[in-house]
Protein backbone atom coordinates (compact mmCIF):
# COMPACT_ATOMS: atom_id res chain seq x y z
CA MET A 1 4.27 23.62 147.11
CA THR A 2 3.34 26.99 147.81
CA SER A 3 2.48 29.39 145.07
CA VAL A 4 2.25 33.37 146.03
CA SER A 5 -1.00 34.59 144.44
CA HIS A 6 -1.07 38.22 142.61
CA GLY A 7 -3.28 40.76 142.68
CA PRO A 8 -5.60 41.42 139.82
CA ALA A 9 -3.74 42.57 136.76
CA THR A 10 -3.93 46.12 135.75
CA LEU A 11 -4.48 47.45 132.66
CA ALA A 12 -2.33 50.70 131.47
CA PRO A 13 -4.20 53.30 130.51
CA GLN A 14 -4.23 54.08 126.37
CA GLN A 15 -3.74 56.60 124.51
CA PRO A 16 -6.79 57.38 121.75
CA GLN A 17 -5.46 56.42 118.12
CA TRP A 18 -5.12 60.54 117.20
CA ILE A 19 -3.14 61.13 120.03
CA GLU A 20 -0.91 58.68 118.23
CA ALA A 21 -1.56 60.31 114.56
CA LEU A 22 -0.51 63.54 116.04
CA LYS A 23 3.24 62.34 117.07
CA THR A 24 3.89 61.37 113.31
CA THR A 25 6.36 64.14 111.28
CA GLU A 26 5.18 62.78 108.16
CA LEU A 27 1.44 64.45 109.31
CA TRP A 28 2.88 68.04 110.56
CA ALA A 29 5.30 67.99 107.50
CA GLY A 30 2.24 67.35 105.16
CA LEU A 31 0.16 70.21 106.93
CA ALA A 32 2.98 72.84 106.37
CA ILE A 33 3.34 72.18 102.85
CA PHE A 34 -0.16 72.60 102.89
CA ALA A 35 -0.54 75.43 104.56
CA MET A 36 2.50 77.05 102.24
CA TRP A 37 0.34 76.06 99.11
CA LEU A 38 -2.94 77.80 100.88
CA ALA A 39 -0.78 81.11 101.39
CA VAL A 40 -0.11 80.77 97.23
CA ALA A 41 -3.72 80.77 96.48
CA CYS A 42 -4.51 83.57 98.75
CA ALA A 43 -1.93 85.54 97.68
CA SER A 44 -2.99 84.98 93.84
CA ILE A 45 -6.67 85.66 94.40
CA TRP A 46 -6.68 88.46 96.99
CA GLY A 47 -3.17 89.77 96.43
CA SER A 48 -2.21 92.96 94.51
CA ASP A 49 -0.23 92.41 91.40
CA ILE A 50 3.94 93.70 91.16
CA VAL A 51 4.02 96.34 88.71
CA SER A 52 7.04 97.34 86.74
CA ASN A 53 7.63 100.73 85.05
CA SER A 54 10.33 101.02 82.60
CA GLY A 55 10.27 104.98 82.67
CA PRO A 56 7.77 107.64 82.26
CA GLY A 57 5.60 107.26 78.87
CA SER A 58 6.71 103.76 78.81
CA SER A 59 5.31 100.30 78.86
CA SER A 60 4.32 99.18 82.48
CA THR A 61 4.45 95.03 83.00
CA SER A 62 2.60 93.17 85.87
CA VAL A 63 3.02 90.27 87.18
CA PRO A 64 0.53 88.63 90.12
CA SER A 65 2.47 88.59 93.45
CA GLY A 66 1.44 85.03 93.84
CA VAL A 67 4.03 84.38 91.55
CA ALA A 68 6.82 85.09 93.75
CA VAL A 69 4.93 83.47 96.89
CA ALA A 70 5.07 80.53 94.74
CA LEU A 71 8.69 80.45 94.38
CA PHE A 72 9.22 80.86 98.21
CA ALA A 73 6.31 77.88 98.40
CA LEU A 74 8.39 75.81 96.05
CA LEU A 75 11.77 76.32 98.12
CA GLY A 76 10.22 75.85 101.39
CA THR A 77 8.19 72.55 99.96
CA VAL A 78 11.89 71.17 99.16
CA ALA A 79 12.90 71.77 102.48
CA VAL A 80 10.17 70.35 104.36
CA ALA A 81 10.15 67.16 102.28
CA ARG A 82 13.52 66.28 102.72
CA HIS A 83 13.26 67.10 106.64
CA GLY A 84 9.79 65.79 107.10
CA LEU A 85 9.27 63.25 105.20
CA ASP A 86 12.99 61.80 105.10
CA HIS A 87 12.39 57.88 106.13
CA THR A 88 16.25 57.16 106.09
CA LYS A 89 17.31 58.61 109.74
CA LYS A 90 14.84 56.15 111.45
């Protein structure tokens, strides 16, 4: 009987584990949600107020602009969480 000798086995180059973490959808969904709420915090701290006057000589109402940004961040959070954190599609 004869046998064929093979050359030395070569290992495939391995990617670092942090590159594999960048491919996960959950990471990017969480980062997007964090960025939305960071924008809410910045708008609340440094943003101006939304002022509503009901007429000349009447009272005025002011609401921080962060409230309006928070409403849209809430809607965006729900949408991103449904799409990016959905484990049933896998």
